[in-house]
Every structure is written in structure tokens, then in C-alpha cells.
Amino acid sequence: MLMRSESADACVIESDLPNYGRTFPMYVPAIDWYFLCDDSREYPMSFYLDLDFTGTIDQEKFSLALREALSRHPLLMCVIQPGKQDLPCWTLAQDPMPTIDWADEGVPFGYGDAPNESSSESEVGLDGDFIDIRRTPGLRIWVRESSDSVRMTLQFHHSACDGTGAYRFVGDLLACYMQQLPSCNNKVELGDFDPALLKVRAAKMRSIRSIDSELKKLSVALKEAWHHVGTRVSPLKAPDSKPQTKTLPGIVKRVFSADELSSMRHQATDQGATLNDWYLCKLFQAARDWNGRYRHNGKLRLLVPADMRDGNDFAIPACNMTACTFITRRASELNDDKKLLDSIRADTLQIKQGHPQRAFVNAITSAMQGSMLPWIMNKNKCMATAVLSNAGDPSRRFTCKLPKRRGKVSCDEFTLESITGVPPLRRHTRSTLSVSSYGRQLVASMRCDPYLFSQGDSQRLLDLFCDRLLPANES
């Protein structure tokens, strides 16, 4: 079970929270509903972030900081409940404060969603990382500390926020903590936040209008649904033997130096591409190499999350403003590096212009209104071979100002040495990968299907990708 920090023991009462006006209850936008429809106990629609510190973190000060940071990001204190006409609504939870599992280094994670009385121990092990967002706010926190280091792992339900929203919350959490430290006096500045903006994001993300004809809405939904389920996508080949136990969160990582990162950037730019194009190219080829002759006639497809925020969304609290976009290639198209990179660059240019993500949001909005979305998401097929999220420098997504040294958030008491994470892992999409650069290092983080891949299998797949990122004499 998760252990609650003593300083966070009391429930937050309404007077403790800011005045959110008429923000809540708030109808659930289609993008949030999409991730809820894709949620299951076996494959929870949630993701993890790891924060690694040198130094120490004070437990009581951290609990106070968590309370303050959450008040700025209210969706992380909400549950989804039926509202008017039984439509799903975000509603502030009665007990919105997440529990904190705080223990010494090496203590296994506990998961707080207790099983039903009819559940067996084996079933608990299989779905312990599931967050029931209808009962529990979508945030969990584990802290593991030694004498001179701390690892903080956060789990977010994707209905409540996306990766950018999670990074913004983390920035505010650090800011609220550092404001309590004498060494950070006058060195921390929190950004503005406006909860009312949460209600307008749905309209901003789509281009189809509520007054458009039902026929137009249906055609938009059907076109995108066919794009989702009408293409035969090859999953990653499962290893020969299944793992004996499910490891949570099961993330494997590989770190690259500043010089290696510079080498990758030069390889990409010399061919007129971006680092993101380079990563996509190499992940396609790694997936092909991993699969070999397995389902060689199918297509490989990468899901690429695309953030739809712009400069006017600086004050919006943590939420979902990320659409799913897809890049698809046949195995025969992966042999010529130059042609592959050029074709991927053309696809990512479309994403930069916003066309695929608006089509995606239009479709799921129409599908939600027509009750098609649960049917689409429950199709028992592979929609993507793998997921690739390029997080860049996560600290640049903070909306607050924090003291730094040598590119890392730092003060007398601690230094944030790394911040990494992985996107959610849906059924039949057997690998999810994130690449991030922070503190002059690049980190590739991967999580694979825990029912099929052992930690060793996941590391081998990650190495297959990473070894392709550098020239042969550097890998």
C-alpha cells in the first residue's frame, strides 16, 4: 500500500483551494475522453517521470510544496464523474491530495489501488499500476532516498494531463519547494496560471465546429477511424520467452554525452533534417531489425505525440493538449537512409504545420459525440508499432524560473541531475520511447510490454535503437 506522509494526512477542504470560479464541474473534452476510452487495468493509460537528485529533500517541506503546486494544476486533483445528462465531467475529488510512498533506496514500489475482495494476489500483481480516474485523482508519487541522493517517480493518468503538462507541474513543484529554502531566497519565480483556460482548450484544438452538419462530423470520424483500424500494422515481435514477473515501472535507459549528442545533431543537419527526424528514422530501422521476417508484409507505424500548445497557452494548468499523429512505412522503404530521412522530414513538416493533429482531434470529437470512440479504441488490433516522444529539454517546459548551475536546476541543498520519462503503453503497442536532453546529456528511456518483455529484452531493444544513432566508430 502507498504510505501517506504525515504532513499530508488531512484532507484538503474547499477553503484550502483557490477559487476556481465556474471551472468545475467541467465537461470532459474529447482528447481526455480518448485516453479514458483507451484505459484498461492490464494496460493503464498512464505514464511515468523519474526525477533524480543529488543532495537531500525534506519530507515535510515537500508535502507543503506538493499541496501548493497541485492548487495550480487542479485537474491533478480531479476525478471523472457523470454530470448533466450523464455526460462525463471533471470534478474536484473529495480527498484530492495524492499519497506519497516515501522510503529508503531499494524498497519496492507499493500501489494504492486495492483489489476487490474477489481478486487474487496474482491479479493484484498484474494491474497494480492502474489508476481508476473515476475514483482517484490521476497522480501518484514515490520517493526513494539514500544518504546523498533521491529518486522521485511520478505516475500520471493521461486523461488528466500530457507530458508537457506533467513537466509544467514538476517545475511548479520544485519552485514551491525551493521557495521554502533560505538558499533560494529571491531566486524563484512562479508563472501565472489561469484555470479558466481549461474550458476553452477543446475548441482551440479542433477546427470542426459544433454547428457543422452531422454528415460532415461523421465523415471526419470515419476517415480517421479507417486510418486507425484499416491499416495492417505490424507489432514488435515478442521475445521467445515471457518474463516470470511483471516489473513496474520497468523503464530502461541509456545516456549519451554532450559530444555524442553533438555528433547526432550534425548527422541530421548535414542531411537537412532535425534530430527528431533522425530519431524517427533510426527507430523505424531498429523495429525492422528487431522483427526480422516476423510479419514482414505488414507496415511499421510510429505514433508521434504532437503538442498543440502555442504562446498563448503559457498560463494554462497541466492538462491534455497533445494529439496523436502517425508515420507509417513499409519495411522495403527503410533500406535507403537518405530517402527514408527525406520522407520522414516531409511528414514531420506536416505535423509542424498542425494538419495531422487537427484532423485527429476533429475525428475523436465527432466520434465522442456519436459514441463511436469506445468502439474504435476497443478494436483488438495493433494501431502503432511503437511510440516515440522527443521531449527536448524538459526544464524548458517549466513556466517558472528556477536557479541553475551548468544547465541543471540546482541550489545548496540539492541538484536535479536528470528528468526522464516514457509515454503510456497501450495494448499491442509493445514499446514506448522518449528521448530527452538535460544537463548536457541525452537520455533515451524505453518501456516495453511487461507481459512479453523482460528488463533484459527491453534493454536489448533500446540498445538496438541507440546503437544506430551514432556512426559505427562511435557506437
Protein backbone atom coordinates (compact mmCIF):
# COMPACT_ATOMS: atom_id res chain seq x y z
CA MET A 1 0.00 0.00 0.00
CA LEU A 2 1.04 3.59 -0.54
CA MET A 3 2.08 5.31 2.65
CA ARG A 4 0.76 8.80 3.28
CA SER A 5 3.17 11.42 4.51
CA GLU A 6 2.08 12.66 7.94
CA SER A 7 2.12 16.30 6.85
CA ALA A 8 -0.32 15.43 4.04
CA ASP A 9 -2.59 13.37 6.27
CA ALA A 10 -5.54 15.71 6.47
CA CYS A 11 -7.95 16.04 3.57
CA VAL A 12 -7.84 19.33 1.73
CA ILE A 13 -11.04 21.22 2.46
CA GLU A 14 -12.63 23.60 -0.01
CA SER A 15 -11.32 26.72 1.74
CA ASP A 16 -7.73 25.46 1.25
CA LEU A 17 -8.07 25.67 -2.52
CA PRO A 18 -8.02 28.70 -4.80
CA ASN A 19 -11.30 29.99 -6.14
CA TYR A 20 -11.66 28.23 -9.47
CA GLY A 21 -14.83 30.15 -10.26
CA ARG A 22 -17.12 28.19 -12.55
CA THR A 23 -14.36 25.97 -13.92
CA PHE A 24 -15.67 22.84 -12.17
CA PRO A 25 -17.50 20.69 -12.83
CA MET A 26 -16.13 20.78 -16.40
CA TYR A 27 -17.25 18.64 -19.31
CA VAL A 28 -14.50 16.21 -20.31
CA PRO A 29 -13.00 17.26 -23.67
CA ALA A 30 -12.67 14.67 -26.42
CA ILE A 31 -8.88 14.42 -26.01
CA ASP A 32 -9.26 13.42 -22.33
CA TRP A 33 -12.09 11.03 -23.17
CA TYR A 34 -9.93 9.42 -25.86
CA PHE A 35 -7.32 8.40 -23.29
CA LEU A 36 -10.01 7.23 -20.88
CA CYS A 37 -11.53 5.00 -23.58
CA ASP A 38 -8.06 3.53 -24.18
CA ASP A 39 -7.56 2.81 -20.47
CA SER A 40 -7.62 -0.70 -19.00
CA ARG A 41 -6.36 -2.50 -15.93
CA GLU A 42 -3.91 -4.55 -17.97
CA TYR A 43 -2.61 -1.58 -19.97
CA PRO A 44 -3.26 1.59 -17.96
CA MET A 45 -3.27 4.83 -19.90
CA SER A 46 -0.70 6.41 -17.59
CA PHE A 47 2.93 7.45 -17.82
CA TYR A 48 5.92 7.86 -15.53
CA LEU A 49 8.52 10.54 -14.86
CA ASP A 50 11.77 9.98 -12.92
CA LEU A 51 13.49 12.87 -11.11
CA ASP A 52 16.99 12.07 -9.88
CA PHE A 53 18.59 14.35 -7.29
CA THR A 54 21.90 14.56 -5.52
CA GLY A 55 21.60 16.05 -2.06
CA THR A 56 18.55 15.78 0.17
CA ILE A 57 14.83 16.53 0.04
CA ASP A 58 12.97 17.46 3.24
CA GLN A 59 9.79 15.39 3.54
CA GLU A 60 7.69 17.98 5.36
CA LYS A 61 8.67 20.82 3.05
CA PHE A 62 7.99 18.59 0.05
CA SER A 63 4.46 17.80 1.27
CA LEU A 64 3.74 21.51 1.65
CA ALA A 65 5.14 22.18 -1.81
CA LEU A 66 3.01 19.40 -3.29
CA ARG A 67 -0.14 20.92 -1.82
CA GLU A 68 0.68 24.34 -3.25
CA ALA A 69 1.72 23.04 -6.68
CA LEU A 70 -1.44 20.96 -7.02
CA SER A 71 -3.59 24.01 -6.32
CA ARG A 72 -2.11 25.49 -9.51
CA HIS A 73 -2.90 22.35 -11.53
CA PRO A 74 -6.42 21.35 -10.46
CA LEU A 75 -7.01 18.54 -13.00
CA LEU A 76 -4.50 16.51 -10.98
CA MET A 77 -6.91 16.81 -8.04
CA CYS A 78 -9.98 15.78 -10.06
CA VAL A 79 -11.92 12.64 -10.87
CA ILE A 80 -14.25 11.99 -13.79
CA GLN A 81 -17.89 11.71 -12.75
CA PRO A 82 -21.24 11.82 -14.62
CA GLY A 83 -22.62 15.35 -14.91
CA LYS A 84 -25.59 16.91 -16.67
CA GLN A 85 -27.35 14.44 -18.99
CA ASP A 86 -24.86 11.86 -17.66
CA LEU A 87 -22.05 13.43 -19.69
CA PRO A 88 -18.60 12.87 -18.13
CA CYS A 89 -17.27 15.82 -16.12
CA TRP A 90 -14.06 16.70 -14.33
CA THR A 91 -14.98 17.21 -10.66
CA LEU A 92 -12.74 18.11 -7.73
CA ALA A 93 -12.18 14.98 -5.64
CA GLN A 94 -13.30 14.87 -2.04
CA ASP A 95 -9.76 13.95 -0.98
CA PRO A 96 -7.61 15.43 -3.74
CA MET A 97 -4.16 15.04 -2.17
CA PRO A 98 -2.18 12.09 -3.56
CA THR A 99 -0.39 9.80 -1.19
CA ILE A 100 3.41 9.79 -1.09
CA ASP A 101 5.23 6.48 -0.82
CA TRP A 102 8.43 7.64 0.92
CA ALA A 103 11.04 5.00 1.74
CA ASP A 104 14.72 4.13 1.63
CA GLU A 105 16.52 3.31 -1.59
CA GLY A 106 15.78 -0.20 -2.82
CA VAL A 107 12.32 -0.57 -1.28
CA PRO A 108 9.89 -1.85 -3.96
CA PHE A 109 7.05 0.39 -5.06
CA GLY A 110 3.64 -0.02 -3.47
CA TYR A 111 0.49 0.59 -5.49
CA GLY A 112 -2.53 2.05 -3.76
CA ASP A 113 -5.50 0.72 -5.74
CA ALA A 114 -6.52 -2.19 -3.55
CA PRO A 115 -8.12 -5.15 -5.32
CA ASN A 116 -11.71 -6.21 -4.93
CA GLU A 117 -12.33 -8.88 -2.34
CA SER A 118 -12.68 -11.41 -5.15
CA SER A 119 -9.29 -10.56 -6.65
CA SER A 120 -6.38 -12.89 -6.15
CA GLU A 121 -2.79 -11.95 -5.35
CA SER A 122 -1.74 -12.70 -8.93
CA GLU A 123 -4.36 -10.29 -10.26
CA VAL A 124 -3.09 -7.58 -7.93
CA GLY A 125 0.36 -8.02 -9.41
CA LEU A 126 -0.99 -7.65 -12.93
CA ASP A 127 -2.97 -4.44 -12.54
CA GLY A 128 -1.36 -2.69 -9.59
CA ASP A 129 -0.36 0.32 -11.70
CA PHE A 130 -3.94 1.01 -12.82
CA ILE A 131 -5.39 4.34 -11.64
CA ASP A 132 -9.18 4.40 -11.56
CA ILE A 133 -9.64 8.04 -12.54
CA ARG A 134 -13.34 7.77 -11.72
CA ARG A 135 -12.42 7.25 -8.07
CA THR A 136 -8.89 8.57 -7.62
CA PRO A 137 -7.06 11.66 -8.92
CA GLY A 138 -4.52 10.85 -11.59
CA LEU A 139 -1.25 11.33 -9.72
CA ARG A 140 0.93 9.01 -7.62
CA ILE A 141 4.34 9.74 -6.14
CA TRP A 142 7.12 7.50 -4.86
CA VAL A 143 10.30 8.82 -3.22
CA ARG A 144 13.35 6.64 -2.60
CA GLU A 145 16.27 8.20 -0.77
CA SER A 146 19.81 7.34 0.32
CA SER A 147 22.20 9.44 2.37
CA ASP A 148 23.14 11.68 -0.57
CA SER A 149 20.65 11.05 -3.38
CA VAL A 150 16.91 10.90 -4.04
CA ARG A 151 14.86 9.38 -6.85
CA MET A 152 11.31 10.68 -7.21
CA THR A 153 8.97 8.77 -9.52
CA LEU A 154 5.65 10.28 -10.54
CA GLN A 155 2.82 8.44 -12.30
CA PHE A 156 0.22 10.49 -14.20
CA HIS A 157 -3.07 9.36 -15.69
CA HIS A 158 -3.04 10.54 -19.30
CA SER A 159 -6.67 11.69 -19.10
CA ALA A 160 -5.56 14.31 -16.57
CA CYS A 161 -2.51 15.64 -18.40
CA ASP A 162 0.08 15.02 -21.10
CA GLY A 163 3.88 15.10 -20.88
CA THR A 164 4.16 18.86 -21.26
CA GLY A 165 1.54 19.37 -18.56
CA ALA A 166 3.42 16.96 -16.29
CA TYR A 167 6.69 18.86 -16.81
CA ARG A 168 4.94 22.15 -16.01
CA PHE A 169 3.61 20.62 -12.81
CA VAL A 170 7.07 19.32 -11.89
CA GLY A 171 8.55 22.77 -12.44
CA ASP A 172 5.98 24.31 -10.10
CA LEU A 173 6.52 21.53 -7.55
CA LEU A 174 10.24 22.30 -7.48
CA ALA A 175 9.55 26.04 -7.32
CA CYS A 176 7.14 25.66 -4.39
CA TYR A 177 9.73 23.54 -2.60
CA MET A 178 12.68 25.84 -3.32
CA GLN A 179 10.74 28.89 -2.13
CA GLN A 180 10.96 27.38 1.36
CA LEU A 181 14.78 27.18 1.24
CA PRO A 182 16.88 30.12 2.50
CA SER A 183 19.48 29.50 -0.21
CA CYS A 184 16.83 30.17 -2.88
CA ASN A 185 15.58 33.45 -1.46
CA ASN A 186 14.57 35.77 -4.35
CA LYS A 187 15.78 33.20 -6.92
CA VAL A 188 12.44 31.51 -7.66
CA GLU A 189 9.54 32.94 -9.62
CA LEU A 190 6.26 31.15 -10.33
CA GLY A 191 4.49 31.87 -13.60
CA ASP A 192 0.88 32.94 -13.97
CA PHE A 193 -1.85 30.32 -14.16
CA ASP A 194 -5.47 30.61 -15.26
CA PRO A 195 -7.75 27.59 -14.65
CA ALA A 196 -10.47 29.16 -16.79
CA LEU A 197 -8.34 28.36 -19.86
CA LEU A 198 -9.02 24.66 -19.26
CA LYS A 199 -12.55 25.14 -20.60
CA VAL A 200 -11.53 26.62 -23.95
CA ARG A 201 -8.81 24.14 -24.97
CA ALA A 202 -11.27 21.72 -26.62
CA ALA A 203 -12.49 24.34 -29.08
CA LYS A 204 -8.97 25.57 -29.68
CA MET A 205 -7.62 22.14 -30.60
CA ARG A 206 -10.22 21.30 -33.25
CA SER A 207 -11.14 23.02 -36.50
CA ILE A 208 -14.52 21.33 -36.96
CA ARG A 209 -17.33 23.40 -35.44
CA SER A 210 -20.25 22.37 -33.27
CA ILE A 211 -22.64 23.85 -35.86
CA ASP A 212 -21.22 21.75 -38.71
CA SER A 213 -23.58 19.17 -40.17
CA GLU A 214 -23.81 15.72 -38.63
CA LEU A 215 -22.85 14.25 -42.00
CA LYS A 216 -19.60 16.22 -42.03
CA LYS A 217 -18.79 15.19 -38.48
CA LEU A 218 -19.50 11.55 -39.30
CA SER A 219 -17.35 11.58 -42.43
CA VAL A 220 -14.45 13.13 -40.49
CA ALA A 221 -14.72 10.48 -37.77
CA LEU A 222 -14.98 7.59 -40.23
CA LYS A 223 -11.96 8.76 -42.23
CA GLU A 224 -9.75 8.94 -39.14
CA ALA A 225 -11.17 5.68 -37.77
CA TRP A 226 -10.21 3.93 -41.01
CA HIS A 227 -6.74 5.43 -40.72
CA HIS A 228 -6.57 3.94 -37.21
CA VAL A 229 -8.00 0.46 -37.76
CA GLY A 230 -7.93 -0.01 -41.53
CA THR A 231 -4.16 -0.32 -41.91
CA ARG A 232 -2.45 -3.61 -41.17
CA VAL A 233 0.26 -2.56 -38.70
CA SER A 234 2.97 -4.97 -37.60
CA PRO A 235 3.61 -5.06 -33.85
CA LEU A 236 7.07 -5.66 -32.47
CA LYS A 237 7.93 -9.33 -32.30
CA ALA A 238 7.51 -10.76 -28.82
CA PRO A 239 10.62 -12.32 -27.26
CA ASP A 240 10.80 -16.11 -27.27
CA SER A 241 10.06 -16.40 -23.55
CA LYS A 242 7.77 -14.37 -21.34
CA PRO A 243 9.05 -12.77 -18.11
CA GLN A 244 8.22 -14.65 -14.92
CA THR A 245 7.14 -11.48 -13.12
CA LYS A 246 5.84 -8.07 -14.14
CA THR A 247 8.33 -5.30 -13.30
CA LEU A 248 6.91 -1.84 -12.55
CA PRO A 249 7.51 0.71 -13.84
CA GLY A 250 10.04 -1.27 -15.90
CA ILE A 251 11.86 1.64 -17.55
CA VAL A 252 15.30 1.11 -19.11
CA LYS A 253 17.62 3.97 -20.07
CA ARG A 254 20.77 4.82 -21.95
CA VAL A 255 22.76 8.03 -21.55
CA PHE A 256 24.73 9.86 -24.25
CA SER A 257 27.38 12.52 -23.65
CA ALA A 258 27.26 16.09 -24.95
CA ASP A 259 29.80 15.16 -27.65
CA GLU A 260 27.67 12.23 -28.80
CA LEU A 261 24.59 14.44 -28.89
CA SER A 262 26.50 16.98 -30.97
CA SER A 263 27.53 14.23 -33.39
CA MET A 264 23.91 13.14 -33.85
CA ARG A 265 22.82 16.71 -34.47
CA HIS A 266 25.49 17.19 -37.12
CA GLN A 267 24.49 13.97 -38.89
CA ALA A 268 20.89 15.12 -39.05
CA THR A 269 21.50 18.74 -40.05
CA ASP A 270 24.06 17.78 -42.70
CA GLN A 271 21.19 15.99 -44.45
CA GLY A 272 18.72 18.82 -43.97
CA ALA A 273 16.83 17.06 -41.17
CA THR A 274 16.19 17.64 -37.49
CA LEU A 275 17.22 15.50 -34.56
CA ASN A 276 13.60 14.40 -34.26
CA ASP A 277 13.64 13.19 -37.88
CA TRP A 278 16.87 11.33 -37.11
CA TYR A 279 15.34 9.56 -34.08
CA LEU A 280 12.29 8.50 -36.10
CA CYS A 281 14.44 7.17 -38.93
CA LYS A 282 16.55 5.08 -36.56
CA LEU A 283 13.56 3.77 -34.61
CA PHE A 284 11.94 2.55 -37.83
CA GLN A 285 15.14 0.71 -38.74
CA ALA A 286 15.57 -0.71 -35.24
CA ALA A 287 11.99 -2.03 -35.32
CA ARG A 288 12.64 -3.64 -38.70
CA ASP A 289 15.83 -5.26 -37.43
CA TRP A 290 14.10 -6.50 -34.28
CA ASN A 291 11.24 -8.07 -36.23
CA GLY A 292 13.35 -9.69 -38.94
CA ARG A 293 11.00 -11.85 -41.03
CA TYR A 294 8.19 -11.53 -38.46
CA ARG A 295 5.10 -10.13 -40.26
CA HIS A 296 7.39 -8.67 -42.91
CA ASN A 297 4.44 -7.90 -45.22
CA GLY A 298 2.81 -5.54 -42.74
CA LYS A 299 3.59 -1.88 -42.25
CA LEU A 300 5.55 -0.34 -39.42
CA ARG A 301 3.90 2.66 -37.81
CA LEU A 302 5.23 5.08 -35.21
CA LEU A 303 2.91 7.11 -33.02
CA VAL A 304 4.32 10.62 -32.57
CA PRO A 305 2.67 12.75 -29.86
CA ALA A 306 2.27 16.38 -31.02
CA ASP A 307 1.84 19.22 -28.52
CA MET A 308 -0.78 21.72 -29.71
CA ARG A 309 0.05 24.49 -27.24
CA ASP A 310 1.19 27.85 -28.53
CA GLY A 311 2.47 31.07 -26.99
CA ASN A 312 -0.99 31.95 -25.74
CA ASP A 313 -1.18 28.83 -23.57
CA PHE A 314 1.57 29.77 -21.13
CA ALA A 315 -0.88 30.16 -18.23
CA ILE A 316 -2.93 27.01 -18.81
CA PRO A 317 -2.55 24.46 -15.96
CA ALA A 318 -1.46 20.88 -16.53
CA CYS A 319 -3.86 19.22 -18.97
CA ASN A 320 -4.01 17.40 -22.31
CA MET A 321 -3.21 19.42 -25.40
CA THR A 322 -1.36 16.65 -27.22
CA ALA A 323 -2.73 14.88 -30.28
CA CYS A 324 -1.65 11.54 -31.70
CA THR A 325 -0.04 11.60 -35.14
CA PHE A 326 1.23 8.63 -37.10
CA ILE A 327 4.05 7.97 -39.55
CA THR A 328 3.83 4.71 -41.49
CA ARG A 329 6.38 2.92 -43.69
CA ARG A 330 6.75 -0.46 -45.36
CA ALA A 331 9.85 -2.44 -44.44
CA SER A 332 11.06 -2.09 -48.04
CA GLU A 333 11.14 1.71 -47.61
CA LEU A 334 13.63 1.58 -44.76
CA ASN A 335 16.77 0.46 -46.58
CA ASP A 336 17.82 3.75 -48.19
CA ASP A 337 18.81 6.08 -45.31
CA LYS A 338 18.64 9.27 -47.39
CA LYS A 339 15.24 8.55 -48.95
CA LEU A 340 13.82 7.47 -45.59
CA LEU A 341 15.08 10.60 -43.83
CA ASP A 342 13.73 12.83 -46.61
CA SER A 343 10.30 11.19 -46.48
CA ILE A 344 10.13 11.44 -42.68
CA ARG A 345 11.08 15.11 -42.89
CA ALA A 346 8.10 15.68 -45.19
CA ASP A 347 5.78 14.01 -42.67
CA THR A 348 7.12 15.92 -39.68
CA LEU A 349 6.75 19.17 -41.63
CA GLN A 350 3.03 18.43 -41.89
CA ILE A 351 2.96 17.85 -38.14
CA LYS A 352 4.73 21.18 -37.53
CA GLN A 353 2.05 22.89 -39.61
CA GLY A 354 -0.62 21.27 -37.44
CA HIS A 355 -2.59 19.39 -40.08
CA PRO A 356 -2.48 15.76 -38.80
CA GLN A 357 -3.18 16.68 -35.18
CA ARG A 358 -6.20 18.85 -36.05
CA ALA A 359 -7.59 16.02 -38.19
CA PHE A 360 -7.09 13.67 -35.23
CA VAL A 361 -8.86 15.97 -32.75
CA ASN A 362 -11.69 16.65 -35.21
CA ALA A 363 -12.22 12.92 -35.59
CA ILE A 364 -12.22 11.98 -31.92
CA THR A 365 -14.55 14.93 -31.18
CA SER A 366 -17.02 13.64 -33.75
CA ALA A 367 -16.55 10.06 -32.59
CA MET A 368 -17.20 11.06 -28.98
CA GLN A 369 -20.42 12.83 -29.93
CA GLY A 370 -21.53 9.84 -31.97
CA SER A 371 -20.50 7.22 -29.35
CA MET A 372 -18.02 5.70 -31.82
CA LEU A 373 -14.90 6.36 -29.77
CA PRO A 374 -15.15 3.42 -27.33
CA TRP A 375 -15.77 1.07 -30.31
CA ILE A 376 -12.70 2.37 -32.14
CA MET A 377 -10.45 2.10 -29.08
CA ASN A 378 -11.68 -1.39 -28.17
CA LYS A 379 -10.69 -2.86 -31.53
CA ASN A 380 -8.28 -5.64 -30.64
CA LYS A 381 -5.51 -4.71 -33.07
CA CYS A 382 -2.17 -3.01 -33.27
CA MET A 383 -2.52 0.69 -34.10
CA ALA A 384 1.20 1.52 -33.80
CA THR A 385 4.41 -0.50 -33.72
CA ALA A 386 5.99 1.87 -31.19
CA VAL A 387 5.70 5.36 -29.70
CA LEU A 388 8.41 8.00 -29.93
CA SER A 389 8.24 11.22 -27.94
CA ASN A 390 11.02 13.79 -28.26
CA ALA A 391 10.81 15.74 -25.01
CA GLY A 392 13.74 18.04 -25.79
CA ASP A 393 14.93 19.71 -22.58
CA PRO A 394 12.08 19.10 -20.10
CA SER A 395 13.19 22.01 -17.91
CA ARG A 396 12.43 24.39 -20.79
CA ARG A 397 8.78 23.43 -20.44
CA PHE A 398 8.68 24.79 -16.90
CA THR A 399 6.68 28.02 -16.66
CA CYS A 400 8.56 29.08 -13.54
CA LYS A 401 12.09 30.44 -13.08
CA LEU A 402 14.49 28.35 -11.01
CA PRO A 403 18.18 28.73 -10.14
CA LYS A 404 20.50 26.66 -12.34
CA ARG A 405 24.13 25.63 -12.47
CA ARG A 406 25.70 24.17 -15.62
CA GLY A 407 22.27 23.68 -17.16
CA LYS A 408 20.78 21.85 -14.16
CA VAL A 409 18.25 23.05 -11.58
CA SER A 410 20.42 23.46 -8.50
CA CYS A 411 20.76 25.10 -5.09
CA ASP A 412 22.81 24.50 -1.93
CA GLU A 413 20.56 21.65 -0.78
CA PHE A 414 20.18 19.62 -3.99
CA THR A 415 20.76 19.37 -7.72
CA LEU A 416 18.26 17.89 -10.16
CA GLU A 417 20.63 15.62 -12.05
CA SER A 418 18.16 14.18 -14.54
CA ILE A 419 14.49 14.26 -15.51
CA THR A 420 13.26 11.46 -17.74
CA GLY A 421 10.04 9.66 -18.58
CA VAL A 422 8.15 7.47 -21.03
CA PRO A 423 4.74 7.84 -22.74
CA PRO A 424 1.87 5.44 -21.97
CA LEU A 425 1.97 1.89 -23.27
CA ARG A 426 -1.27 0.76 -24.93
CA ARG A 427 -2.32 -2.77 -25.81
CA HIS A 428 -0.47 -4.19 -28.85
CA THR A 429 1.90 -1.21 -29.00
CA ARG A 430 4.74 -3.06 -27.38
CA SER A 431 7.30 -0.30 -26.89
CA THR A 432 7.19 3.34 -25.90
CA LEU A 433 10.27 5.53 -26.12
CA SER A 434 11.17 9.04 -25.01
CA VAL A 435 14.32 10.97 -25.87
CA SER A 436 15.25 13.99 -23.74
CA SER A 437 18.26 16.26 -23.28
CA TYR A 438 19.05 17.88 -19.96
CA GLY A 439 22.23 18.99 -18.26
CA ARG A 440 24.35 18.48 -21.40
CA GLN A 441 23.33 14.85 -21.73
CA LEU A 442 20.88 12.94 -23.90
CA VAL A 443 18.83 10.15 -22.32
CA ALA A 444 16.79 7.57 -24.23
CA SER A 445 14.16 5.94 -21.99
CA MET A 446 12.08 2.94 -23.01
CA ARG A 447 9.30 0.84 -21.55
CA CYS A 448 8.07 -2.35 -23.21
CA ASP A 449 5.05 -4.60 -22.77
CA PRO A 450 5.66 -6.06 -19.28
CA TYR A 451 3.71 -9.23 -20.11
CA LEU A 452 6.04 -10.06 -23.02
CA PHE A 453 9.37 -8.29 -22.42
CA SER A 454 11.76 -8.80 -19.52
CA GLN A 455 14.01 -5.94 -18.42
CA GLY A 456 16.82 -7.56 -20.40
CA ASP A 457 14.63 -7.77 -23.51
CA SER A 458 13.70 -4.10 -23.17
CA GLN A 459 17.35 -3.12 -22.80
CA ARG A 460 18.29 -5.08 -25.93
CA LEU A 461 15.61 -3.32 -27.95
CA LEU A 462 16.70 0.07 -26.60
CA ASP A 463 20.34 -0.73 -27.46
CA LEU A 464 19.31 -1.69 -30.99
CA PHE A 465 17.87 1.81 -31.39
CA CYS A 466 20.69 3.63 -29.60
CA ASP A 467 23.46 1.86 -31.49
CA ARG A 468 22.01 3.23 -34.72
CA LEU A 469 22.12 6.85 -33.53
CA LEU A 470 25.89 7.21 -33.85
CA PRO A 471 28.42 6.37 -36.58
CA ALA A 472 29.86 2.88 -36.33
CA ASN A 473 33.15 4.15 -34.91
CA GLU A 474 31.35 5.94 -32.06
CA SER A 475 28.59 3.47 -31.13
